[in-house]
All heavy atoms as atom14 arrays in JSON, in Angstrom:
{
  "sequence": "VLPYYSSNAKIPSCRLERLPGYEVHLSWRTQKVSLYKGVYEGITFY",
  "atom14_mask": [
    [1, 1, 1, 1, 1, 1, 1, 0, 0, 0, 0, 0, 0, 0],
    [1, 1, 1, 1, 1, 1, 1, 1, 0, 0, 0, 0, 0, 0],
    [1, 1, 1, 1, 1, 1, 1, 0, 0, 0, 0, 0, 0, 0],
    [1, 1, 1, 1, 1, 1, 1, 1, 1, 1, 1, 1, 0, 0],
    [1, 1, 1, 1, 1, 1, 1, 1, 1, 1, 1, 1, 0, 0],
    [1, 1, 1, 1, 1, 1, 0, 0, 0, 0, 0, 0, 0, 0],
    [1, 1, 1, 1, 1, 1, 0, 0, 0, 0, 0, 0, 0, 0],
    [1, 1, 1, 1, 1, 1, 1, 1, 0, 0, 0, 0, 0, 0],
    [1, 1, 1, 1, 1, 0, 0, 0, 0, 0, 0, 0, 0, 0],
    [1, 1, 1, 1, 1, 1, 1, 1, 1, 0, 0, 0, 0, 0],
    [1, 1, 1, 1, 1, 1, 1, 1, 0, 0, 0, 0, 0, 0],
    [1, 1, 1, 1, 1, 1, 1, 0, 0, 0, 0, 0, 0, 0],
    [1, 1, 1, 1, 1, 1, 0, 0, 0, 0, 0, 0, 0, 0],
    [1, 1, 1, 1, 1, 1, 0, 0, 0, 0, 0, 0, 0, 0],
    [1, 1, 1, 1, 1, 1, 1, 1, 1, 1, 1, 0, 0, 0],
    [1, 1, 1, 1, 1, 1, 1, 1, 0, 0, 0, 0, 0, 0],
    [1, 1, 1, 1, 1, 1, 1, 1, 1, 0, 0, 0, 0, 0],
    [1, 1, 1, 1, 1, 1, 1, 1, 1, 1, 1, 0, 0, 0],
    [1, 1, 1, 1, 1, 1, 1, 1, 0, 0, 0, 0, 0, 0],
    [1, 1, 1, 1, 1, 1, 1, 0, 0, 0, 0, 0, 0, 0],
    [1, 1, 1, 1, 0, 0, 0, 0, 0, 0, 0, 0, 0, 0],
    [1, 1, 1, 1, 1, 1, 1, 1, 1, 1, 1, 1, 0, 0],
    [1, 1, 1, 1, 1, 1, 1, 1, 1, 0, 0, 0, 0, 0],
    [1, 1, 1, 1, 1, 1, 1, 0, 0, 0, 0, 0, 0, 0],
    [1, 1, 1, 1, 1, 1, 1, 1, 1, 1, 0, 0, 0, 0],
    [1, 1, 1, 1, 1, 1, 1, 1, 0, 0, 0, 0, 0, 0],
    [1, 1, 1, 1, 1, 1, 0, 0, 0, 0, 0, 0, 0, 0],
    [1, 1, 1, 1, 1, 1, 1, 1, 1, 1, 1, 1, 1, 1],
    [1, 1, 1, 1, 1, 1, 1, 1, 1, 1, 1, 0, 0, 0],
    [1, 1, 1, 1, 1, 1, 1, 0, 0, 0, 0, 0, 0, 0],
    [1, 1, 1, 1, 1, 1, 1, 1, 1, 0, 0, 0, 0, 0],
    [1, 1, 1, 1, 1, 1, 1, 1, 1, 0, 0, 0, 0, 0],
    [1, 1, 1, 1, 1, 1, 1, 0, 0, 0, 0, 0, 0, 0],
    [1, 1, 1, 1, 1, 1, 0, 0, 0, 0, 0, 0, 0, 0],
    [1, 1, 1, 1, 1, 1, 1, 1, 0, 0, 0, 0, 0, 0],
    [1, 1, 1, 1, 1, 1, 1, 1, 1, 1, 1, 1, 0, 0],
    [1, 1, 1, 1, 1, 1, 1, 1, 1, 0, 0, 0, 0, 0],
    [1, 1, 1, 1, 0, 0, 0, 0, 0, 0, 0, 0, 0, 0],
    [1, 1, 1, 1, 1, 1, 1, 0, 0, 0, 0, 0, 0, 0],
    [1, 1, 1, 1, 1, 1, 1, 1, 1, 1, 1, 1, 0, 0],
    [1, 1, 1, 1, 1, 1, 1, 1, 1, 0, 0, 0, 0, 0],
    [1, 1, 1, 1, 0, 0, 0, 0, 0, 0, 0, 0, 0, 0],
    [1, 1, 1, 1, 1, 1, 1, 1, 0, 0, 0, 0, 0, 0],
    [1, 1, 1, 1, 1, 1, 1, 0, 0, 0, 0, 0, 0, 0],
    [1, 1, 1, 1, 1, 1, 1, 1, 1, 1, 1, 0, 0, 0],
    [1, 1, 1, 1, 1, 1, 1, 1, 1, 1, 1, 1, 0, 0]
  ],
  "atom14_positions": [
    [[-20.62, -9.64, 4.87], [-19.59, -10.08, 3.93], [-20.23, -11.12, 2.97], [-20.76, -12.14, 3.44], [-18.38, -10.69, 4.63], [-17.3, -11.04, 3.62], [-17.84, -9.72, 5.66], [0.0, 0.0, 0.0], [0.0, 0.0, 0.0], [0.0, 0.0, 0.0], [0.0, 0.0, 0.0], [0.0, 0.0, 0.0], [0.0, 0.0, 0.0], [0.0, 0.0, 0.0]],
    [[-20.17, -10.84, 1.69], [-20.77, -11.7, 0.66], [-19.79, -11.97, -0.46], [-18.89, -11.14, -0.7], [-22.0, -11.01, 0.05], [-23.21, -10.73, 0.91], [-24.21, -9.83, 0.14], [-23.9, -12.03, 1.33], [0.0, 0.0, 0.0], [0.0, 0.0, 0.0], [0.0, 0.0, 0.0], [0.0, 0.0, 0.0], [0.0, 0.0, 0.0], [0.0, 0.0, 0.0]],
    [[-19.99, -13.04, -1.21], [-19.27, -13.17, -2.48], [-19.78, -12.15, -3.5], [-20.93, -11.74, -3.45], [-19.59, -14.59, -2.95], [-20.1, -15.32, -1.74], [-20.78, -14.27, -0.91], [0.0, 0.0, 0.0], [0.0, 0.0, 0.0], [0.0, 0.0, 0.0], [0.0, 0.0, 0.0], [0.0, 0.0, 0.0], [0.0, 0.0, 0.0], [0.0, 0.0, 0.0]],
    [[-18.9, -11.73, -4.38], [-19.3, -10.84, -5.46], [-19.63, -11.72, -6.69], [-18.75, -12.01, -7.49], [-18.23, -9.84, -5.8], [-18.66, -8.81, -6.82], [-19.38, -7.68, -6.45], [-18.37, -8.98, -8.17], [-19.79, -6.74, -7.37], [-18.77, -8.04, -9.12], [-19.51, -6.93, -8.71], [-19.91, -6.02, -9.64], [0.0, 0.0, 0.0], [0.0, 0.0, 0.0]],
    [[-20.87, -12.13, -6.74], [-21.32, -12.96, -7.89], [-21.55, -12.05, -9.09], [-21.68, -10.82, -8.98], [-22.63, -13.66, -7.56], [-22.61, -14.57, -6.35], [-23.21, -14.18, -5.16], [-22.0, -15.83, -6.41], [-23.22, -15.01, -4.05], [-22.0, -16.67, -5.28], [-22.61, -16.25, -4.12], [-22.64, -17.06, -3.02], [0.0, 0.0, 0.0], [0.0, 0.0, 0.0]],
    [[-21.67, -12.67, -10.23], [-21.97, -11.89, -11.46], [-23.3, -11.17, -11.33], [-23.5, -10.12, -11.92], [-21.97, -12.81, -12.69], [-22.85, -13.9, -12.49], [0.0, 0.0, 0.0], [0.0, 0.0, 0.0], [0.0, 0.0, 0.0], [0.0, 0.0, 0.0], [0.0, 0.0, 0.0], [0.0, 0.0, 0.0], [0.0, 0.0, 0.0], [0.0, 0.0, 0.0]],
    [[-24.24, -11.72, -10.54], [-25.56, -11.12, -10.38], [-25.49, -9.82, -9.59], [-26.42, -8.98, -9.69], [-26.52, -12.08, -9.68], [-26.01, -12.47, -8.41], [0.0, 0.0, 0.0], [0.0, 0.0, 0.0], [0.0, 0.0, 0.0], [0.0, 0.0, 0.0], [0.0, 0.0, 0.0], [0.0, 0.0, 0.0], [0.0, 0.0, 0.0], [0.0, 0.0, 0.0]],
    [[-24.45, -9.6, -8.77], [-24.37, -8.38, -7.97], [-24.38, -7.13, -8.81], [-24.96, -6.1, -8.41], [-23.1, -8.39, -7.13], [-23.08, -9.48, -6.08], [-22.03, -10.05, -5.82], [-24.22, -9.78, -5.47], [0.0, 0.0, 0.0], [0.0, 0.0, 0.0], [0.0, 0.0, 0.0], [0.0, 0.0, 0.0], [0.0, 0.0, 0.0], [0.0, 0.0, 0.0]],
    [[-23.78, -7.18, -9.96], [-23.67, -6.0, -10.81], [-25.03, -5.55, -11.34], [-25.18, -4.42, -11.84], [-22.72, -6.28, -11.97], [0.0, 0.0, 0.0], [0.0, 0.0, 0.0], [0.0, 0.0, 0.0], [0.0, 0.0, 0.0], [0.0, 0.0, 0.0], [0.0, 0.0, 0.0], [0.0, 0.0, 0.0], [0.0, 0.0, 0.0], [0.0, 0.0, 0.0]],
    [[-26.05, -6.4, -11.24], [-27.36, -6.06, -11.79], [-28.24, -5.31, -10.8], [-29.37, -4.96, -11.08], [-28.07, -7.36, -12.22], [-27.31, -8.16, -13.27], [-27.99, -9.49, -13.55], [-27.16, -10.33, -14.52], [-27.77, -11.67, -14.74], [0.0, 0.0, 0.0], [0.0, 0.0, 0.0], [0.0, 0.0, 0.0], [0.0, 0.0, 0.0], [0.0, 0.0, 0.0]],
    [[-27.74, -5.09, -9.57], [-28.52, -4.41, -8.55], [-28.19, -2.92, -8.56], [-27.1, -2.51, -8.2], [-28.23, -4.99, -7.15], [-28.46, -6.51, -7.16], [-29.1, -4.32, -6.11], [-29.88, -6.93, -7.47], [0.0, 0.0, 0.0], [0.0, 0.0, 0.0], [0.0, 0.0, 0.0], [0.0, 0.0, 0.0], [0.0, 0.0, 0.0], [0.0, 0.0, 0.0]],
    [[-29.12, -2.06, -9.01], [-28.84, -0.63, -9.13], [-29.01, 0.15, -7.82], [-28.71, 1.33, -7.78], [-29.85, -0.17, -10.17], [-31.04, -1.07, -9.91], [-30.47, -2.4, -9.5], [0.0, 0.0, 0.0], [0.0, 0.0, 0.0], [0.0, 0.0, 0.0], [0.0, 0.0, 0.0], [0.0, 0.0, 0.0], [0.0, 0.0, 0.0], [0.0, 0.0, 0.0]],
    [[-29.52, -0.5, -6.77], [-29.91, 0.24, -5.56], [-28.75, 0.53, -4.62], [-28.94, 1.15, -3.59], [-30.97, -0.58, -4.8], [-30.52, -1.88, -4.58], [0.0, 0.0, 0.0], [0.0, 0.0, 0.0], [0.0, 0.0, 0.0], [0.0, 0.0, 0.0], [0.0, 0.0, 0.0], [0.0, 0.0, 0.0], [0.0, 0.0, 0.0], [0.0, 0.0, 0.0]],
    [[-27.56, 0.1, -4.98], [-26.42, 0.3, -4.08], [-25.17, 0.59, -4.91], [-24.71, -0.28, -5.67], [-26.21, -0.94, -3.2], [-24.81, -0.87, -2.07], [0.0, 0.0, 0.0], [0.0, 0.0, 0.0], [0.0, 0.0, 0.0], [0.0, 0.0, 0.0], [0.0, 0.0, 0.0], [0.0, 0.0, 0.0], [0.0, 0.0, 0.0], [0.0, 0.0, 0.0]],
    [[-24.63, 1.78, -4.73], [-23.39, 2.11, -5.46], [-22.19, 1.47, -4.78], [-22.0, 1.59, -3.56], [-23.22, 3.64, -5.46], [-21.98, 4.1, -6.23], [-21.86, 5.62, -6.22], [-20.63, 6.05, -6.87], [-19.46, 6.13, -6.25], [-19.35, 5.79, -4.97], [-18.37, 6.52, -6.89], [0.0, 0.0, 0.0], [0.0, 0.0, 0.0], [0.0, 0.0, 0.0]],
    [[-21.39, 0.75, -5.57], [-20.27, 0.02, -5.02], [-18.96, 0.77, -5.25], [-18.72, 1.3, -6.33], [-20.18, -1.38, -5.63], [-21.36, -2.32, -5.38], [-21.07, -3.69, -5.97], [-21.69, -2.41, -3.91], [0.0, 0.0, 0.0], [0.0, 0.0, 0.0], [0.0, 0.0, 0.0], [0.0, 0.0, 0.0], [0.0, 0.0, 0.0], [0.0, 0.0, 0.0]],
    [[-18.14, 0.8, -4.2], [-16.82, 1.39, -4.28], [-15.78, 0.29, -4.3], [-15.85, -0.64, -3.48], [-16.61, 2.27, -3.03], [-15.2, 2.8, -2.87], [-14.98, 3.45, -1.5], [-15.93, 3.48, -0.68], [-13.84, 3.89, -1.25], [0.0, 0.0, 0.0], [0.0, 0.0, 0.0], [0.0, 0.0, 0.0], [0.0, 0.0, 0.0], [0.0, 0.0, 0.0]],
    [[-14.85, 0.36, -5.21], [-13.8, -0.65, -5.25], [-12.68, -0.29, -4.29], [-12.15, 0.83, -4.33], [-13.24, -0.8, -6.67], [-12.22, -1.93, -6.78], [-12.09, -2.46, -8.17], [-11.22, -3.65, -8.19], [-11.1, -4.46, -9.22], [-11.8, -4.24, -10.32], [-10.3, -5.49, -9.18], [0.0, 0.0, 0.0], [0.0, 0.0, 0.0], [0.0, 0.0, 0.0]],
    [[-12.32, -1.25, -3.44], [-11.28, -1.05, -2.45], [-10.03, -1.8, -2.9], [-10.08, -2.66, -3.81], [-11.72, -1.6, -1.09], [-12.98, -0.96, -0.52], [-13.33, -1.59, 0.85], [-12.83, 0.55, -0.35], [0.0, 0.0, 0.0], [0.0, 0.0, 0.0], [0.0, 0.0, 0.0], [0.0, 0.0, 0.0], [0.0, 0.0, 0.0], [0.0, 0.0, 0.0]],
    [[-8.87, -1.52, -2.29], [-7.64, -2.26, -2.66], [-7.83, -3.77, -2.46], [-8.4, -4.19, -1.44], [-6.6, -1.69, -1.7], [-7.1, -0.34, -1.35], [-8.59, -0.44, -1.32], [0.0, 0.0, 0.0], [0.0, 0.0, 0.0], [0.0, 0.0, 0.0], [0.0, 0.0, 0.0], [0.0, 0.0, 0.0], [0.0, 0.0, 0.0], [0.0, 0.0, 0.0]],
    [[-7.35, -4.52, -3.41], [-7.45, -5.97, -3.33], [-6.32, -6.57, -2.53], [-5.41, -5.87, -2.04], [0.0, 0.0, 0.0], [0.0, 0.0, 0.0], [0.0, 0.0, 0.0], [0.0, 0.0, 0.0], [0.0, 0.0, 0.0], [0.0, 0.0, 0.0], [0.0, 0.0, 0.0], [0.0, 0.0, 0.0], [0.0, 0.0, 0.0], [0.0, 0.0, 0.0]],
    [[-6.38, -7.87, -2.38], [-5.34, -8.59, -1.68], [-5.31, -10.03, -2.12], [-6.11, -10.43, -3.0], [-5.51, -8.48, -0.15], [-6.87, -8.89, 0.38], [-7.08, -10.13, 0.96], [-7.96, -8.0, 0.33], [-8.31, -10.5, 1.47], [-9.2, -8.36, 0.85], [-9.37, -9.62, 1.41], [-10.59, -9.96, 1.9], [0.0, 0.0, 0.0], [0.0, 0.0, 0.0]],
    [[-4.41, -10.82, -1.57], [-4.26, -12.21, -1.99], [-4.64, -13.16, -0.87], [-4.53, -12.85, 0.31], [-2.81, -12.48, -2.4], [-2.4, -11.74, -3.67], [-0.98, -12.07, -4.09], [-0.21, -12.59, -3.23], [-0.64, -11.82, -5.26], [0.0, 0.0, 0.0], [0.0, 0.0, 0.0], [0.0, 0.0, 0.0], [0.0, 0.0, 0.0], [0.0, 0.0, 0.0]],
    [[-5.15, -14.32, -1.3], [-5.49, -15.41, -0.38], [-4.71, -16.64, -0.8], [-4.58, -16.95, -1.99], [-7.01, -15.72, -0.45], [-7.33, -17.08, 0.1], [-7.8, -14.64, 0.31], [0.0, 0.0, 0.0], [0.0, 0.0, 0.0], [0.0, 0.0, 0.0], [0.0, 0.0, 0.0], [0.0, 0.0, 0.0], [0.0, 0.0, 0.0], [0.0, 0.0, 0.0]],
    [[-4.17, -17.34, 0.21], [-3.35, -18.53, -0.07], [-4.11, -19.78, 0.36], [-4.4, -19.96, 1.55], [-2.01, -18.45, 0.65], [-1.21, -17.22, 0.28], [-0.51, -17.12, -0.88], [-1.04, -16.04, 0.93], [0.08, -15.94, -0.96], [-0.21, -15.27, 0.14], [0.0, 0.0, 0.0], [0.0, 0.0, 0.0], [0.0, 0.0, 0.0], [0.0, 0.0, 0.0]],
    [[-4.44, -20.61, -0.61], [-5.03, -21.91, -0.34], [-3.92, -22.94, -0.53], [-3.71, -23.4, -1.66], [-6.22, -22.19, -1.29], [-7.42, -21.26, -1.2], [-7.23, -20.01, -2.07], [-8.7, -21.99, -1.63], [0.0, 0.0, 0.0], [0.0, 0.0, 0.0], [0.0, 0.0, 0.0], [0.0, 0.0, 0.0], [0.0, 0.0, 0.0], [0.0, 0.0, 0.0]],
    [[-3.21, -23.21, 0.53], [-2.03, -24.08, 0.47], [-1.06, -23.5, -0.56], [-0.6, -22.37, -0.43], [-2.45, -25.5, 0.15], [-1.34, -26.37, 0.15], [0.0, 0.0, 0.0], [0.0, 0.0, 0.0], [0.0, 0.0, 0.0], [0.0, 0.0, 0.0], [0.0, 0.0, 0.0], [0.0, 0.0, 0.0], [0.0, 0.0, 0.0], [0.0, 0.0, 0.0]],
    [[-0.79, -24.22, -1.63], [0.18, -23.77, -2.62], [-0.4, -22.82, -3.65], [0.31, -22.25, -4.47], [0.76, -24.99, -3.35], [-0.29, -25.91, -3.89], [-0.84, -26.97, -3.25], [-0.92, -25.86, -5.17], [-1.79, -27.59, -4.04], [-1.85, -26.93, -5.23], [-0.82, -25.0, -6.26], [-2.66, -27.15, -6.33], [-1.62, -25.24, -7.37], [-2.51, -26.31, -7.39]],
    [[-1.75, -22.62, -3.65], [-2.38, -21.73, -4.64], [-2.54, -20.32, -4.08], [-2.84, -20.15, -2.9], [-3.76, -22.27, -5.01], [-3.74, -23.41, -5.99], [-4.99, -24.25, -5.87], [-5.04, -24.92, -4.56], [-6.03, -25.71, -4.17], [-7.03, -25.91, -4.98], [-5.99, -26.29, -2.99], [0.0, 0.0, 0.0], [0.0, 0.0, 0.0], [0.0, 0.0, 0.0]],
    [[-2.36, -19.37, -4.93], [-2.6, -17.98, -4.57], [-3.69, -17.43, -5.46], [-3.63, -17.54, -6.68], [-1.31, -17.14, -4.75], [-0.3, -17.64, -3.85], [-1.58, -15.67, -4.42], [0.0, 0.0, 0.0], [0.0, 0.0, 0.0], [0.0, 0.0, 0.0], [0.0, 0.0, 0.0], [0.0, 0.0, 0.0], [0.0, 0.0, 0.0], [0.0, 0.0, 0.0]],
    [[-4.72, -16.88, -4.83], [-5.83, -16.29, -5.57], [-6.03, -14.86, -5.13], [-5.91, -14.51, -3.96], [-7.12, -17.08, -5.34], [-7.1, -18.49, -5.92], [-7.32, -18.5, -7.43], [-7.4, -17.43, -8.06], [-7.4, -19.69, -8.0], [0.0, 0.0, 0.0], [0.0, 0.0, 0.0], [0.0, 0.0, 0.0], [0.0, 0.0, 0.0], [0.0, 0.0, 0.0]],
    [[-6.36, -13.98, -6.08], [-6.52, -12.56, -5.79], [-7.97, -12.26, -5.41], [-8.92, -12.82, -5.97], [-6.13, -11.73, -7.02], [-4.62, -11.79, -7.32], [-4.26, -10.88, -8.46], [-2.75, -10.91, -8.7], [-2.35, -10.01, -9.82], [0.0, 0.0, 0.0], [0.0, 0.0, 0.0], [0.0, 0.0, 0.0], [0.0, 0.0, 0.0], [0.0, 0.0, 0.0]],
    [[-8.11, -11.36, -4.45], [-9.42, -10.88, -4.0], [-9.66, -9.5, -4.55], [-8.86, -8.59, -4.33], [-9.49, -10.85, -2.46], [-10.83, -10.23, -1.99], [-9.29, -12.23, -1.86], [0.0, 0.0, 0.0], [0.0, 0.0, 0.0], [0.0, 0.0, 0.0], [0.0, 0.0, 0.0], [0.0, 0.0, 0.0], [0.0, 0.0, 0.0], [0.0, 0.0, 0.0]],
    [[-10.76, -9.33, -5.27], [-11.26, -8.01, -5.62], [-12.28, -7.62, -4.57], [-13.23, -8.39, -4.33], [-11.9, -8.01, -7.01], [-10.94, -8.39, -8.0], [0.0, 0.0, 0.0], [0.0, 0.0, 0.0], [0.0, 0.0, 0.0], [0.0, 0.0, 0.0], [0.0, 0.0, 0.0], [0.0, 0.0, 0.0], [0.0, 0.0, 0.0], [0.0, 0.0, 0.0]],
    [[-12.13, -6.46, -3.96], [-12.98, -6.11, -2.83], [-13.83, -4.88, -3.16], [-13.32, -3.88, -3.69], [-12.11, -5.82, -1.61], [-12.85, -5.58, -0.29], [-13.65, -6.82, 0.13], [-11.85, -5.2, 0.81], [0.0, 0.0, 0.0], [0.0, 0.0, 0.0], [0.0, 0.0, 0.0], [0.0, 0.0, 0.0], [0.0, 0.0, 0.0], [0.0, 0.0, 0.0]],
    [[-15.12, -4.98, -2.85], [-16.04, -3.88, -3.11], [-16.82, -3.57, -1.82], [-17.09, -4.43, -1.0], [-17.03, -4.25, -4.2], [-16.38, -4.64, -5.51], [-15.99, -5.96, -5.73], [-16.16, -3.71, -6.51], [-15.38, -6.33, -6.92], [-15.56, -4.08, -7.72], [-15.16, -5.39, -7.91], [-14.55, -5.76, -9.08], [0.0, 0.0, 0.0], [0.0, 0.0, 0.0]],
    [[-17.2, -2.3, -1.71], [-17.95, -1.85, -0.54], [-19.17, -1.06, -0.97], [-19.14, -0.28, -1.91], [-17.04, -0.95, 0.34], [-17.75, -0.32, 1.54], [-16.8, 0.65, 2.27], [-17.48, 1.36, 3.44], [-16.56, 2.31, 4.13], [0.0, 0.0, 0.0], [0.0, 0.0, 0.0], [0.0, 0.0, 0.0], [0.0, 0.0, 0.0], [0.0, 0.0, 0.0]],
    [[-20.27, -1.27, -0.27], [-21.48, -0.51, -0.53], [-22.32, -0.42, 0.73], [-22.18, -1.23, 1.63], [0.0, 0.0, 0.0], [0.0, 0.0, 0.0], [0.0, 0.0, 0.0], [0.0, 0.0, 0.0], [0.0, 0.0, 0.0], [0.0, 0.0, 0.0], [0.0, 0.0, 0.0], [0.0, 0.0, 0.0], [0.0, 0.0, 0.0], [0.0, 0.0, 0.0]],
    [[-23.16, 0.6, 0.79], [-24.07, 0.78, 1.94], [-25.49, 0.7, 1.45], [-25.87, 1.38, 0.5], [-23.82, 2.12, 2.65], [-24.78, 2.31, 3.81], [-22.36, 2.21, 3.15], [0.0, 0.0, 0.0], [0.0, 0.0, 0.0], [0.0, 0.0, 0.0], [0.0, 0.0, 0.0], [0.0, 0.0, 0.0], [0.0, 0.0, 0.0], [0.0, 0.0, 0.0]],
    [[-26.26, -0.16, 2.09], [-27.66, -0.36, 1.71], [-28.49, -0.47, 2.98], [-28.23, -1.3, 3.83], [-27.79, -1.64, 0.86], [-29.19, -1.95, 0.42], [-29.79, -1.25, -0.64], [-29.95, -2.94, 1.05], [-31.08, -1.53, -1.05], [-31.23, -3.24, 0.64], [-31.8, -2.53, -0.4], [-33.09, -2.81, -0.79], [0.0, 0.0, 0.0], [0.0, 0.0, 0.0]],
    [[-29.49, 0.4, 3.11], [-30.39, 0.43, 4.26], [-29.65, 0.44, 5.58], [-30.01, -0.24, 6.54], [-31.37, -0.75, 4.18], [-32.27, -0.7, 2.96], [-33.47, -1.61, 3.04], [-33.64, -2.26, 4.09], [-34.25, -1.66, 2.07], [0.0, 0.0, 0.0], [0.0, 0.0, 0.0], [0.0, 0.0, 0.0], [0.0, 0.0, 0.0], [0.0, 0.0, 0.0]],
    [[-28.56, 1.22, 5.62], [-27.8, 1.4, 6.85], [-26.79, 0.3, 7.15], [-26.05, 0.37, 8.12], [0.0, 0.0, 0.0], [0.0, 0.0, 0.0], [0.0, 0.0, 0.0], [0.0, 0.0, 0.0], [0.0, 0.0, 0.0], [0.0, 0.0, 0.0], [0.0, 0.0, 0.0], [0.0, 0.0, 0.0], [0.0, 0.0, 0.0], [0.0, 0.0, 0.0]],
    [[-26.74, -0.71, 6.3], [-25.84, -1.86, 6.47], [-24.67, -1.66, 5.53], [-24.85, -1.36, 4.36], [-26.54, -3.18, 6.15], [-27.87, -3.31, 6.9], [-25.62, -4.35, 6.42], [-28.81, -4.31, 6.28], [0.0, 0.0, 0.0], [0.0, 0.0, 0.0], [0.0, 0.0, 0.0], [0.0, 0.0, 0.0], [0.0, 0.0, 0.0], [0.0, 0.0, 0.0]],
    [[-23.45, -1.89, 6.01], [-22.28, -1.84, 5.14], [-21.99, -3.22, 4.62], [-21.84, -4.18, 5.37], [-21.06, -1.32, 5.92], [-21.35, -0.02, 6.48], [-19.84, -1.21, 5.01], [0.0, 0.0, 0.0], [0.0, 0.0, 0.0], [0.0, 0.0, 0.0], [0.0, 0.0, 0.0], [0.0, 0.0, 0.0], [0.0, 0.0, 0.0], [0.0, 0.0, 0.0]],
    [[-21.94, -3.32, 3.3], [-21.69, -4.59, 2.63], [-20.26, -4.61, 2.08], [-19.82, -3.63, 1.48], [-22.67, -4.81, 1.47], [-24.07, -5.18, 1.94], [-24.96, -4.17, 2.26], [-24.47, -6.48, 2.05], [-26.25, -4.49, 2.68], [-25.74, -6.82, 2.46], [-26.64, -5.81, 2.78], [0.0, 0.0, 0.0], [0.0, 0.0, 0.0], [0.0, 0.0, 0.0]],
    [[-19.6, -5.74, 2.23], [-18.3, -5.99, 1.61], [-18.44, -7.21, 0.71], [-18.89, -8.26, 1.18], [-17.22, -6.21, 2.67], [-16.92, -4.96, 3.47], [-17.56, -4.7, 4.67], [-16.03, -3.98, 2.98], [-17.29, -3.56, 5.4], [-15.77, -2.83, 3.69], [-16.41, -2.61, 4.89], [-16.16, -1.48, 5.61], [0.0, 0.0, 0.0], [0.0, 0.0, 0.0]]
  ]
}
């Protein structure tokens, strides 16, 4: 499990699939999660 930084999009070696997002609550704040999945060298990345 990794953050999706802006640099992730520059890696061509792993095709990413967008999964349904969800919300995270930090006390009174609500932030949306965009979730992506990819497989690289047998490892599943989220």
